Amino acid sequence: MKHFYALLVVLLFGAAPAFADVPPYVDTSCGSWVNDVWVPNGNCPPDTGDLRHDSVTGTITIVKGHLVTVQQATRTVVINDQPALDAKQTGQVAVGRQIVAYGYWREGNFYATAIY
């Protein structure tokens, strides 16, 4: 039984990095948006399945802290606008406002770096 608990502890602590927060990603060190197109500057690896630059367009339906729900024609997307807030690249996020949010998808979540 002792060995079982020892193995359990090793498995739990070994899995700890999987539960850790995603390390911060600084969008501006990797490129910029030019005329609605992401232009990488070569300082970072290219977009992959885990990290992909994109824009989200729609109407804000819910604001809850730094999470903003945007209704699009065929789906609803929840975006994290904390990077845009930190960079002071957003106006008032309010229900009913139509927006274009520029940013990136990382591990299935959209992070807005600018909202217009």
PDB file of N, CA and C in Angstrom:
ATOM      1  N   MET A   1       0.826  -1.192   0.000  1.00  0.00           N
ATOM      2  CA  MET A   1       0.000   0.000   0.000  1.00  0.00           C
ATOM      3  C   MET A   1       0.869   1.254   0.000  1.00  0.00           C
ATOM      4  N   LYS A   2       2.009   1.189   0.694  1.00  0.00           N
ATOM      5  CA  LYS A   2       2.926   2.323   0.731  1.00  0.00           C
ATOM      6  C   LYS A   2       3.389   2.695  -0.674  1.00  0.00           C
ATOM      7  N   HIS A   3       3.670   1.651  -1.466  1.00  0.00           N
ATOM      8  CA  HIS A   3       4.157   1.886  -2.827  1.00  0.00           C
ATOM      9  C   HIS A   3       3.066   2.516  -3.702  1.00  0.00           C
ATOM     10  N   PHE A   4       1.828   2.125  -3.446  1.00  0.00           N
ATOM     11  CA  PHE A   4       0.712   2.697  -4.196  1.00  0.00           C
ATOM     12  C   PHE A   4       0.625   4.200  -3.954  1.00  0.00           C
ATOM     13  N   TYR A   5       0.704   4.613  -2.691  1.00  0.00           N
ATOM     14  CA  TYR A   5       0.630   6.037  -2.367  1.00  0.00           C
ATOM     15  C   TYR A   5       1.847   6.792  -2.908  1.00  0.00           C
ATOM     16  N   ALA A   6       2.992   6.164  -2.858  1.00  0.00           N
ATOM     17  CA  ALA A   6       4.196   6.799  -3.402  1.00  0.00           C
ATOM     18  C   ALA A   6       4.042   7.012  -4.910  1.00  0.00           C
ATOM     19  N   LEU A   7       3.513   5.984  -5.581  1.00  0.00           N
ATOM     20  CA  LEU A   7       3.293   6.107  -7.016  1.00  0.00           C
ATOM     21  C   LEU A   7       2.250   7.183  -7.313  1.00  0.00           C
ATOM     22  N   LEU A   8       1.203   7.234  -6.516  1.00  0.00           N
ATOM     23  CA  LEU A   8       0.167   8.245  -6.704  1.00  0.00           C
ATOM     24  C   LEU A   8       0.729   9.657  -6.561  1.00  0.00           C
ATOM     25  N   VAL A   9       1.567   9.882  -5.567  1.00  0.00           N
ATOM     26  CA  VAL A   9       2.191  11.194  -5.346  1.00  0.00           C
ATOM     27  C   VAL A   9       3.083  11.564  -6.532  1.00  0.00           C
ATOM     28  N   VAL A  10       3.865  10.605  -7.011  1.00  0.00           N
ATOM     29  CA  VAL A  10       4.742  10.873  -8.157  1.00  0.00           C
ATOM     30  C   VAL A  10       3.908  11.233  -9.384  1.00  0.00           C
ATOM     31  N   LEU A  11       2.820  10.507  -9.608  1.00  0.00           N
ATOM     32  CA  LEU A  11       1.968  10.809 -10.758  1.00  0.00           C
ATOM     33  C   LEU A  11       1.330  12.185 -10.646  1.00  0.00           C
ATOM     34  N   LEU A  12       0.861  12.532  -9.459  1.00  0.00           N
ATOM     35  CA  LEU A  12       0.234  13.841  -9.276  1.00  0.00           C
ATOM     36  C   LEU A  12       1.218  14.980  -9.453  1.00  0.00           C
ATOM     37  N   PHE A  13       2.390  14.869  -8.850  1.00  0.00           N
ATOM     38  CA  PHE A  13       3.365  15.947  -8.988  1.00  0.00           C
ATOM     39  C   PHE A  13       3.973  15.976 -10.380  1.00  0.00           C
ATOM     40  N   GLY A  14       4.050  14.837 -11.004  1.00  0.00           N
ATOM     41  CA  GLY A  14       4.544  14.786 -12.373  1.00  0.00           C
ATOM     42  C   GLY A  14       3.577  15.442 -13.342  1.00  0.00           C
ATOM     43  N   ALA A  15       2.293  15.413 -13.015  1.00  0.00           N
ATOM     44  CA  ALA A  15       1.277  16.020 -13.872  1.00  0.00           C
ATOM     45  C   ALA A  15       1.070  17.492 -13.567  1.00  0.00           C
ATOM     46  N   ALA A  16       1.700  18.004 -12.524  1.00  0.00           N
ATOM     47  CA  ALA A  16       1.497  19.399 -12.122  1.00  0.00           C
ATOM     48  C   ALA A  16       1.734  20.391 -13.252  1.00  0.00           C
ATOM     49  N   PRO A  17       2.792  20.219 -14.091  1.00  0.00           N
ATOM     50  CA  PRO A  17       2.963  21.188 -15.175  1.00  0.00           C
ATOM     51  C   PRO A  17       1.778  21.231 -16.134  1.00  0.00           C
ATOM     52  N   ALA A  18       1.053  20.134 -16.280  1.00  0.00           N
ATOM     53  CA  ALA A  18      -0.096  20.124 -17.178  1.00  0.00           C
ATOM     54  C   ALA A  18      -1.224  21.011 -16.656  1.00  0.00           C
ATOM     55  N   PHE A  19      -1.274  21.206 -15.336  1.00  0.00           N
ATOM     56  CA  PHE A  19      -2.322  22.027 -14.740  1.00  0.00           C
ATOM     57  C   PHE A  19      -1.889  23.476 -14.552  1.00  0.00           C
ATOM     58  N   ALA A  20      -0.655  23.783 -14.853  1.00  0.00           N
ATOM     59  CA  ALA A  20      -0.138  25.144 -14.652  1.00  0.00           C
ATOM     60  C   ALA A  20      -0.762  26.096 -15.672  1.00  0.00           C
ATOM     61  N   ASP A  21      -0.755  27.375 -15.348  1.00  0.00           N
ATOM     62  CA  ASP A  21      -1.263  28.392 -16.275  1.00  0.00           C
ATOM     63  C   ASP A  21      -0.404  28.423 -17.529  1.00  0.00           C
ATOM     64  N   VAL A  22      -1.026  28.810 -18.627  1.00  0.00           N
ATOM     65  CA  VAL A  22      -0.295  28.969 -19.876  1.00  0.00           C
ATOM     66  C   VAL A  22       0.637  30.160 -19.721  1.00  0.00           C
ATOM     67  N   PRO A  23       1.923  29.996 -20.064  1.00  0.00           N
ATOM     68  CA  PRO A  23       2.844  31.129 -19.900  1.00  0.00           C
ATOM     69  C   PRO A  23       2.420  32.300 -20.777  1.00  0.00           C
ATOM     70  N   PRO A  24       2.727  33.508 -20.345  1.00  0.00           N
ATOM     71  CA  PRO A  24       2.298  34.680 -21.112  1.00  0.00           C
ATOM     72  C   PRO A  24       2.947  34.707 -22.494  1.00  0.00           C
ATOM     73  N   TYR A  25       2.202  35.188 -23.432  1.00  0.00           N
ATOM     74  CA  TYR A  25       2.667  35.339 -24.806  1.00  0.00           C
ATOM     75  C   TYR A  25       2.572  36.815 -25.143  1.00  0.00           C
ATOM     76  N   VAL A  26       3.648  37.391 -25.638  1.00  0.00           N
ATOM     77  CA  VAL A  26       3.663  38.817 -25.978  1.00  0.00           C
ATOM     78  C   VAL A  26       3.546  38.938 -27.492  1.00  0.00           C
ATOM     79  N   ASP A  27       2.351  39.269 -27.921  1.00  0.00           N
ATOM     80  CA  ASP A  27       2.020  39.343 -29.338  1.00  0.00           C
ATOM     81  C   ASP A  27       2.891  40.337 -30.087  1.00  0.00           C
ATOM     82  N   THR A  28       3.149  41.498 -29.507  1.00  0.00           N
ATOM     83  CA  THR A  28       3.878  42.563 -30.203  1.00  0.00           C
ATOM     84  C   THR A  28       5.338  42.214 -30.468  1.00  0.00           C
ATOM     85  N   SER A  29       5.893  41.233 -29.763  1.00  0.00           N
ATOM     86  CA  SER A  29       7.279  40.853 -30.041  1.00  0.00           C
ATOM     87  C   SER A  29       7.366  39.912 -31.238  1.00  0.00           C
ATOM     88  N   CYS A  30       6.216  39.431 -31.734  1.00  0.00           N
ATOM     89  CA  CYS A  30       6.204  38.467 -32.834  1.00  0.00           C
ATOM     90  C   CYS A  30       5.739  39.041 -34.171  1.00  0.00           C
ATOM     91  N   GLY A  31       5.119  40.229 -34.150  1.00  0.00           N
ATOM     92  CA  GLY A  31       4.638  40.816 -35.386  1.00  0.00           C
ATOM     93  C   GLY A  31       3.609  41.887 -35.117  1.00  0.00           C
ATOM     94  N   SER A  32       2.835  42.217 -36.147  1.00  0.00           N
ATOM     95  CA  SER A  32       1.810  43.247 -35.996  1.00  0.00           C
ATOM     96  C   SER A  32       0.700  43.013 -37.023  1.00  0.00           C
ATOM     97  N   TRP A  33      -0.429  43.673 -36.767  1.00  0.00           N
ATOM     98  CA  TRP A  33      -1.553  43.632 -37.690  1.00  0.00           C
ATOM     99  C   TRP A  33      -1.429  44.797 -38.661  1.00  0.00           C
ATOM    100  N   VAL A  34      -1.475  44.515 -39.952  1.00  0.00           N
ATOM    101  CA  VAL A  34      -1.413  45.547 -40.983  1.00  0.00           C
ATOM    102  C   VAL A  34      -2.576  45.307 -41.936  1.00  0.00           C
ATOM    103  N   ASN A  35      -3.499  46.270 -42.006  1.00  0.00           N
ATOM    104  CA  ASN A  35      -4.674  46.155 -42.876  1.00  0.00           C
ATOM    105  C   ASN A  35      -5.406  44.826 -42.691  1.00  0.00           C
ATOM    106  N   ASP A  36      -5.676  44.488 -41.429  1.00  0.00           N
ATOM    107  CA  ASP A  36      -6.420  43.281 -41.058  1.00  0.00           C
ATOM    108  C   ASP A  36      -5.692  41.970 -41.364  1.00  0.00           C
ATOM    109  N   VAL A  37      -4.394  42.019 -41.582  1.00  0.00           N
ATOM    110  CA  VAL A  37      -3.602  40.821 -41.855  1.00  0.00           C
ATOM    111  C   VAL A  37      -2.458  40.758 -40.850  1.00  0.00           C
ATOM    112  N   TRP A  38      -2.252  39.585 -40.223  1.00  0.00           N
ATOM    113  CA  TRP A  38      -1.142  39.396 -39.293  1.00  0.00           C
ATOM    114  C   TRP A  38       0.151  39.292 -40.084  1.00  0.00           C
ATOM    115  N   VAL A  39       1.139  40.125 -39.745  1.00  0.00           N
ATOM    116  CA  VAL A  39       2.429  40.128 -40.421  1.00  0.00           C
ATOM    117  C   VAL A  39       3.496  39.763 -39.384  1.00  0.00           C
ATOM    118  N   PRO A  40       3.987  38.505 -39.418  1.00  0.00           N
ATOM    119  CA  PRO A  40       5.015  38.106 -38.451  1.00  0.00           C
ATOM    120  C   PRO A  40       6.338  38.787 -38.774  1.00  0.00           C
ATOM    121  N   ASN A  41       7.158  39.012 -37.736  1.00  0.00           N
ATOM    122  CA  ASN A  41       8.438  39.678 -37.948  1.00  0.00           C
ATOM    123  C   ASN A  41       9.624  38.719 -37.899  1.00  0.00           C
ATOM    124  N   GLY A  42       9.378  37.434 -37.748  1.00  0.00           N
ATOM    125  CA  GLY A  42      10.453  36.448 -37.747  1.00  0.00           C
ATOM    126  C   GLY A  42      11.074  36.188 -36.382  1.00  0.00           C
ATOM    127  N   ASN A  43      10.638  36.908 -35.343  1.00  0.00           N
ATOM    128  CA  ASN A  43      11.191  36.707 -34.004  1.00  0.00           C
ATOM    129  C   ASN A  43      10.584  35.509 -33.283  1.00  0.00           C
ATOM    130  N   CYS A  44       9.483  34.981 -33.799  1.00  0.00           N
ATOM    131  CA  CYS A  44       8.780  33.879 -33.141  1.00  0.00           C
ATOM    132  C   CYS A  44       8.489  32.795 -34.167  1.00  0.00           C
ATOM    133  N   PRO A  45       8.195  31.589 -33.689  1.00  0.00           N
ATOM    134  CA  PRO A  45       7.838  30.536 -34.640  1.00  0.00           C
ATOM    135  C   PRO A  45       6.539  30.878 -35.359  1.00  0.00           C
ATOM    136  N   PRO A  46       6.313  30.259 -36.532  1.00  0.00           N
ATOM    137  CA  PRO A  46       5.069  30.540 -37.266  1.00  0.00           C
ATOM    138  C   PRO A  46       3.847  30.010 -36.512  1.00  0.00           C
ATOM    139  N   ASP A  47       2.680  30.493 -36.912  1.00  0.00           N
ATOM    140  CA  ASP A  47       1.435  30.020 -36.308  1.00  0.00           C
ATOM    141  C   ASP A  47       1.337  28.505 -36.443  1.00  0.00           C
ATOM    142  N   THR A  48       0.777  27.889 -35.416  1.00  0.00           N
ATOM    143  CA  THR A  48       0.591  26.439 -35.403  1.00  0.00           C
ATOM    144  C   THR A  48      -0.844  26.155 -34.973  1.00  0.00           C
ATOM    145  N   GLY A  49      -1.126  24.889 -34.717  1.00  0.00           N
ATOM    146  CA  GLY A  49      -2.441  24.530 -34.217  1.00  0.00           C
ATOM    147  C   GLY A  49      -2.684  25.064 -32.819  1.00  0.00           C
ATOM    148  N   ASP A  50      -1.614  25.228 -32.016  1.00  0.00           N
ATOM    149  CA  ASP A  50      -1.742  25.721 -30.643  1.00  0.00           C
ATOM    150  C   ASP A  50      -1.757  27.238 -30.553  1.00  0.00           C
ATOM    151  N   LEU A  51      -1.172  27.921 -31.526  1.00  0.00           N
ATOM    152  CA  LEU A  51      -1.102  29.384 -31.513  1.00  0.00           C
ATOM    153  C   LEU A  51      -1.345  29.884 -32.932  1.00  0.00           C
ATOM    154  N   ARG A  52      -2.453  30.616 -33.109  1.00  0.00           N
ATOM    155  CA  ARG A  52      -2.830  31.077 -34.439  1.00  0.00           C
ATOM    156  C   ARG A  52      -3.435  32.469 -34.344  1.00  0.00           C
ATOM    157  N   HIS A  53      -2.936  33.399 -35.128  1.00  0.00           N
ATOM    158  CA  HIS A  53      -3.458  34.775 -35.137  1.00  0.00           C
ATOM    159  C   HIS A  53      -4.729  34.839 -35.971  1.00  0.00           C
ATOM    160  N   ASP A  54      -5.652  35.657 -35.503  1.00  0.00           N
ATOM    161  CA  ASP A  54      -6.958  35.714 -36.145  1.00  0.00           C
ATOM    162  C   ASP A  54      -7.671  36.976 -35.678  1.00  0.00           C
ATOM    163  N   SER A  55      -8.843  37.221 -36.238  1.00  0.00           N
ATOM    164  CA  SER A  55      -9.699  38.305 -35.754  1.00  0.00           C
ATOM    165  C   SER A  55     -11.095  37.739 -35.528  1.00  0.00           C
ATOM    166  N   VAL A  56     -11.813  38.364 -34.619  1.00  0.00           N
ATOM    167  CA  VAL A  56     -13.185  37.961 -34.298  1.00  0.00           C
ATOM    168  C   VAL A  56     -14.068  39.190 -34.461  1.00  0.00           C
ATOM    169  N   THR A  57     -15.120  39.053 -35.240  1.00  0.00           N
ATOM    170  CA  THR A  57     -16.040  40.153 -35.503  1.00  0.00           C
ATOM    171  C   THR A  57     -17.431  39.760 -35.030  1.00  0.00           C
ATOM    172  N   GLY A  58     -18.109  40.686 -34.384  1.00  0.00           N
ATOM    173  CA  GLY A  58     -19.472  40.405 -33.959  1.00  0.00           C
ATOM    174  C   GLY A  58     -19.989  41.455 -33.001  1.00  0.00           C
ATOM    175  N   THR A  59     -21.081  41.113 -32.321  1.00  0.00           N
ATOM    176  CA  THR A  59     -21.738  42.017 -31.379  1.00  0.00           C
ATOM    177  C   THR A  59     -21.578  41.484 -29.966  1.00  0.00           C
ATOM    178  N   ILE A  60     -21.149  42.343 -29.060  1.00  0.00           N
ATOM    179  CA  ILE A  60     -20.979  41.942 -27.665  1.00  0.00           C
ATOM    180  C   ILE A  60     -22.347  41.666 -27.049  1.00  0.00           C
ATOM    181  N   THR A  61     -22.478  40.473 -26.434  1.00  0.00           N
ATOM    182  CA  THR A  61     -23.744  40.125 -25.777  1.00  0.00           C
ATOM    183  C   THR A  61     -23.595  39.999 -24.261  1.00  0.00           C
ATOM    184  N   ILE A  62     -22.391  39.707 -23.788  1.00  0.00           N
ATOM    185  CA  ILE A  62     -22.146  39.576 -22.347  1.00  0.00           C
ATOM    186  C   ILE A  62     -20.749  40.087 -22.040  1.00  0.00           C
ATOM    187  N   VAL A  63     -20.615  40.840 -20.942  1.00  0.00           N
ATOM    188  CA  VAL A  63     -19.302  41.255 -20.430  1.00  0.00           C
ATOM    189  C   VAL A  63     -19.231  40.788 -18.987  1.00  0.00           C
ATOM    190  N   LYS A  64     -18.239  39.964 -18.698  1.00  0.00           N
ATOM    191  CA  LYS A  64     -18.066  39.437 -17.346  1.00  0.00           C
ATOM    192  C   LYS A  64     -16.579  39.501 -17.011  1.00  0.00           C
ATOM    193  N   GLY A  65     -16.185  40.592 -16.350  1.00  0.00           N
ATOM    194  CA  GLY A  65     -14.765  40.783 -16.049  1.00  0.00           C
ATOM    195  C   GLY A  65     -13.990  40.984 -17.337  1.00  0.00           C
ATOM    196  N   HIS A  66     -12.939  40.183 -17.530  1.00  0.00           N
ATOM    197  CA  HIS A  66     -12.132  40.294 -18.744  1.00  0.00           C
ATOM    198  C   HIS A  66     -12.582  39.311 -19.826  1.00  0.00           C
ATOM    199  N   LEU A  67     -13.746  38.673 -19.622  1.00  0.00           N
ATOM    200  CA  LEU A  67     -14.298  37.780 -20.635  1.00  0.00           C
ATOM    201  C   LEU A  67     -15.470  38.469 -21.330  1.00  0.00           C
ATOM    202  N   VAL A  68     -15.410  38.484 -22.642  1.00  0.00           N
ATOM    203  CA  VAL A  68     -16.423  39.162 -23.447  1.00  0.00           C
ATOM    204  C   VAL A  68     -17.022  38.140 -24.410  1.00  0.00           C
ATOM    205  N   THR A  69     -18.337  38.003 -24.368  1.00  0.00           N
ATOM    206  CA  THR A  69     -19.024  37.087 -25.279  1.00  0.00           C
ATOM    207  C   THR A  69     -19.454  37.867 -26.507  1.00  0.00           C
ATOM    208  N   VAL A  70     -19.081  37.329 -27.672  1.00  0.00           N
ATOM    209  CA  VAL A  70     -19.370  37.982 -28.947  1.00  0.00           C
ATOM    210  C   VAL A  70     -20.260  37.060 -29.782  1.00  0.00           C
ATOM    211  N   GLN A  71     -21.390  37.589 -30.223  1.00  0.00           N
ATOM    212  CA  GLN A  71     -22.295  36.835 -31.094  1.00  0.00           C
ATOM    213  C   GLN A  71     -21.916  37.096 -32.535  1.00  0.00           C
ATOM    214  N   GLN A  72     -21.629  36.008 -33.253  1.00  0.00           N
ATOM    215  CA  GLN A  72     -21.369  36.101 -34.680  1.00  0.00           C
ATOM    216  C   GLN A  72     -22.581  35.536 -35.419  1.00  0.00           C
ATOM    217  N   ALA A  73     -22.540  35.505 -36.722  1.00  0.00           N
ATOM    218  CA  ALA A  73     -23.685  35.036 -37.499  1.00  0.00           C
ATOM    219  C   ALA A  73     -24.035  33.582 -37.180  1.00  0.00           C
ATOM    220  N   THR A  74     -23.017  32.731 -36.997  1.00  0.00           N
ATOM    221  CA  THR A  74     -23.288  31.305 -36.832  1.00  0.00           C
ATOM    222  C   THR A  74     -22.829  30.722 -35.503  1.00  0.00           C
ATOM    223  N   ARG A  75     -22.184  31.529 -34.660  1.00  0.00           N
ATOM    224  CA  ARG A  75     -21.689  30.999 -33.383  1.00  0.00           C
ATOM    225  C   ARG A  75     -21.481  32.114 -32.378  1.00  0.00           C
ATOM    226  N   THR A  76     -21.258  31.700 -31.146  1.00  0.00           N
ATOM    227  CA  THR A  76     -20.921  32.621 -30.067  1.00  0.00           C
ATOM    228  C   THR A  76     -19.492  32.329 -29.644  1.00  0.00           C
ATOM    229  N   VAL A  77     -18.690  33.371 -29.465  1.00  0.00           N
ATOM    230  CA  VAL A  77     -17.290  33.220 -29.075  1.00  0.00           C
ATOM    231  C   VAL A  77     -17.050  34.019 -27.799  1.00  0.00           C
ATOM    232  N   VAL A  78     -16.370  33.395 -26.839  1.00  0.00           N
ATOM    233  CA  VAL A  78     -15.960  34.110 -25.630  1.00  0.00           C
ATOM    234  C   VAL A  78     -14.493  34.468 -25.802  1.00  0.00           C
ATOM    235  N   ILE A  79     -14.196  35.764 -25.683  1.00  0.00           N
ATOM    236  CA  ILE A  79     -12.811  36.211 -25.840  1.00  0.00           C
ATOM    237  C   ILE A  79     -12.300  36.755 -24.512  1.00  0.00           C
ATOM    238  N   ASN A  80     -11.008  36.622 -24.316  1.00  0.00           N
ATOM    239  CA  ASN A  80     -10.328  37.178 -23.153  1.00  0.00           C
ATOM    240  C   ASN A  80      -9.712  38.495 -23.619  1.00  0.00           C
ATOM    241  N   ASP A  81     -10.196  39.613 -23.083  1.00  0.00           N
ATOM    242  CA  ASP A  81      -9.694  40.905 -23.551  1.00  0.00           C
ATOM    243  C   ASP A  81      -8.626  41.498 -22.633  1.00  0.00           C
ATOM    244  N   GLN A  82      -8.096  40.705 -21.714  1.00  0.00           N
ATOM    245  CA  GLN A  82      -7.076  41.218 -20.788  1.00  0.00           C
ATOM    246  C   GLN A  82      -5.837  41.761 -21.507  1.00  0.00           C
ATOM    247  N   PRO A  83      -5.304  41.056 -22.562  1.00  0.00           N
ATOM    248  CA  PRO A  83      -4.152  41.645 -23.269  1.00  0.00           C
ATOM    249  C   PRO A  83      -4.468  43.008 -23.891  1.00  0.00           C
ATOM    250  N   ALA A  84      -5.675  43.184 -24.432  1.00  0.00           N
ATOM    251  CA  ALA A  84      -6.061  44.484 -25.020  1.00  0.00           C
ATOM    252  C   ALA A  84      -6.190  45.543 -23.938  1.00  0.00           C
ATOM    253  N   LEU A  85      -6.742  45.155 -22.793  1.00  0.00           N
ATOM    254  CA  LEU A  85      -6.854  46.098 -21.674  1.00  0.00           C
ATOM    255  C   LEU A  85      -5.470  46.521 -21.185  1.00  0.00           C
ATOM    256  N   ASP A  86      -4.569  45.540 -21.043  1.00  0.00           N
ATOM    257  CA  ASP A  86      -3.205  45.842 -20.584  1.00  0.00           C
ATOM    258  C   ASP A  86      -2.491  46.791 -21.540  1.00  0.00           C
ATOM    259  N   ALA A  87      -2.732  46.622 -22.839  1.00  0.00           N
ATOM    260  CA  ALA A  87      -2.072  47.457 -23.851  1.00  0.00           C
ATOM    261  C   ALA A  87      -2.837  48.742 -24.139  1.00  0.00           C
ATOM    262  N   LYS A  88      -3.966  48.934 -23.446  1.00  0.00           N
ATOM    263  CA  LYS A  88      -4.824  50.103 -23.675  1.00  0.00           C
ATOM    264  C   LYS A  88      -5.230  50.202 -25.143  1.00  0.00           C
ATOM    265  N   GLN A  89      -5.593  49.038 -25.714  1.00  0.00           N
ATOM    266  CA  GLN A  89      -6.000  48.958 -27.110  1.00  0.00           C
ATOM    267  C   GLN A  89      -7.459  48.521 -27.240  1.00  0.00           C
ATOM    268  N   THR A  90      -8.293  49.062 -26.368  1.00  0.00           N
ATOM    269  CA  THR A  90      -9.705  48.756 -26.423  1.00  0.00           C
ATOM    270  C   THR A  90     -10.507  49.953 -25.950  1.00  0.00           C
ATOM    271  N   GLY A  91     -11.672  50.080 -26.484  1.00  0.00           N
ATOM    272  CA  GLY A  91     -12.582  51.107 -25.994  1.00  0.00           C
ATOM    273  C   GLY A  91     -13.494  50.482 -24.954  1.00  0.00           C
ATOM    274  N   GLN A  92     -14.625  51.111 -24.724  1.00  0.00           N
ATOM    275  CA  GLN A  92     -15.602  50.592 -23.772  1.00  0.00           C
ATOM    276  C   GLN A  92     -16.186  49.286 -24.305  1.00  0.00           C
ATOM    277  N   VAL A  93     -16.066  48.218 -23.540  1.00  0.00           N
ATOM    278  CA  VAL A  93     -16.710  46.964 -23.934  1.00  0.00           C
ATOM    279  C   VAL A  93     -18.082  46.942 -23.284  1.00  0.00           C
ATOM    280  N   ALA A  94     -19.106  47.045 -24.101  1.00  0.00           N
ATOM    281  CA  ALA A  94     -20.471  47.134 -23.596  1.00  0.00           C
ATOM    282  C   ALA A  94     -21.389  46.288 -24.467  1.00  0.00           C
ATOM    283  N   VAL A  95     -22.411  45.734 -23.847  1.00  0.00           N
ATOM    284  CA  VAL A  95     -23.387  44.923 -24.559  1.00  0.00           C
ATOM    285  C   VAL A  95     -24.005  45.754 -25.686  1.00  0.00           C
ATOM    286  N   GLY A  96     -24.088  45.160 -26.868  1.00  0.00           N
ATOM    287  CA  GLY A  96     -24.654  45.825 -28.032  1.00  0.00           C
ATOM    288  C   GLY A  96     -23.612  46.425 -28.963  1.00  0.00           C
ATOM    289  N   ARG A  97     -22.389  46.600 -28.481  1.00  0.00           N
ATOM    290  CA  ARG A  97     -21.338  47.192 -29.319  1.00  0.00           C
ATOM    291  C   ARG A  97     -20.869  46.180 -30.355  1.00  0.00           C
ATOM    292  N   GLN A  98     -20.761  46.618 -31.603  1.00  0.00           N
ATOM    293  CA  GLN A  98     -20.195  45.782 -32.660  1.00  0.00           C
ATOM    294  C   GLN A  98     -18.692  46.009 -32.672  1.00  0.00           C
ATOM    295  N   ILE A  99     -17.932  44.901 -32.694  1.00  0.00           N
ATOM    296  CA  ILE A  99     -16.475  45.007 -32.580  1.00  0.00           C
ATOM    297  C   ILE A  99     -15.759  44.154 -33.618  1.00  0.00           C
ATOM    298  N   VAL A 100     -14.500  44.506 -33.808  1.00  0.00           N
ATOM    299  CA  VAL A 100     -13.523  43.642 -34.457  1.00  0.00           C
ATOM    300  C   VAL A 100     -12.410  43.502 -33.428  1.00  0.00           C
ATOM    301  N   ALA A 101     -12.154  42.270 -33.005  1.00  0.00           N
ATOM    302  CA  ALA A 101     -11.097  41.998 -32.032  1.00  0.00           C
ATOM    303  C   ALA A 101      -9.954  41.296 -32.757  1.00  0.00           C
ATOM    304  N   TYR A 102      -8.769  41.860 -32.661  1.00  0.00           N
ATOM    305  CA  TYR A 102      -7.575  41.249 -33.243  1.00  0.00           C
ATOM    306  C   TYR A 102      -6.822  40.555 -32.126  1.00  0.00           C
ATOM    307  N   GLY A 103      -6.246  39.414 -32.431  1.00  0.00           N
ATOM    308  CA  GLY A 103      -5.511  38.696 -31.409  1.00  0.00           C
ATOM    309  C   GLY A 103      -5.084  37.330 -31.888  1.00  0.00           C
ATOM    310  N   TYR A 104      -5.178  36.359 -30.985  1.00  0.00           N
ATOM    311  CA  TYR A 104      -4.691  35.023 -31.323  1.00  0.00           C
ATOM    312  C   TYR A 104      -5.464  33.962 -30.543  1.00  0.00           C
ATOM    313  N   TRP A 105      -5.529  32.793 -31.156  1.00  0.00           N
ATOM    314  CA  TRP A 105      -6.084  31.611 -30.512  1.00  0.00           C
ATOM    315  C   TRP A 105      -4.918  30.862 -29.883  1.00  0.00           C
ATOM    316  N   ARG A 106      -5.055  30.496 -28.645  1.00  0.00           N
ATOM    317  CA  ARG A 106      -4.031  29.699 -27.965  1.00  0.00           C
ATOM    318  C   ARG A 106      -4.743  28.658 -27.115  1.00  0.00           C
ATOM    319  N   GLU A 107      -4.481  27.409 -27.436  1.00  0.00           N
ATOM    320  CA  GLU A 107      -5.080  26.282 -26.731  1.00  0.00           C
ATOM    321  C   GLU A 107      -6.597  26.395 -26.641  1.00  0.00           C
ATOM    322  N   GLY A 108      -7.214  26.796 -27.747  1.00  0.00           N
ATOM    323  CA  GLY A 108      -8.659  26.849 -27.826  1.00  0.00           C
ATOM    324  C   GLY A 108      -9.310  28.102 -27.270  1.00  0.00           C
ATOM    325  N   ASN A 109      -8.525  29.046 -26.777  1.00  0.00           N
ATOM    326  CA  ASN A 109      -9.053  30.307 -26.232  1.00  0.00           C
ATOM    327  C   ASN A 109      -8.592  31.465 -27.100  1.00  0.00           C
ATOM    328  N   PHE A 110      -9.483  32.453 -27.294  1.00  0.00           N
ATOM    329  CA  PHE A 110      -9.114  33.634 -28.065  1.00  0.00           C
ATOM    330  C   PHE A 110      -8.727  34.759 -27.126  1.00  0.00           C
ATOM    331  N   TYR A 111      -7.545  35.328 -27.344  1.00  0.00           N
ATOM    332  CA  TYR A 111      -7.028  36.453 -26.561  1.00  0.00           C
ATOM    333  C   TYR A 111      -6.985  37.672 -27.469  1.00  0.00           C
ATOM    334  N   ALA A 112      -7.751  38.694 -27.128  1.00  0.00           N
ATOM    335  CA  ALA A 112      -7.785  39.915 -27.937  1.00  0.00           C
ATOM    336  C   ALA A 112      -6.647  40.835 -27.511  1.00  0.00           C
ATOM    337  N   THR A 113      -5.848  41.263 -28.494  1.00  0.00           N
ATOM    338  CA  THR A 113      -4.776  42.223 -28.206  1.00  0.00           C
ATOM    339  C   THR A 113      -5.193  43.645 -28.576  1.00  0.00           C
ATOM    340  N   ALA A 114      -6.260  43.768 -29.364  1.00  0.00           N
ATOM    341  CA  ALA A 114      -6.823  45.072 -29.708  1.00  0.00           C
ATOM    342  C   ALA A 114      -8.287  44.866 -30.070  1.00  0.00           C
ATOM    343  N   ILE A 115      -9.114  45.810 -29.650  1.00  0.00           N
ATOM    344  CA  ILE A 115     -10.542  45.753 -29.959  1.00  0.00           C
ATOM    345  C   ILE A 115     -10.947  47.104 -30.532  1.00  0.00           C
ATOM    346  N   TYR A 116     -11.571  47.078 -31.702  1.00  0.00           N
ATOM    347  CA  TYR A 116     -12.028  48.301 -32.365  1.00  0.00           C
ATOM    348  C   TYR A 116     -13.496  48.198 -32.685  1.00  0.00           C
TER     349      TYR A 116
END
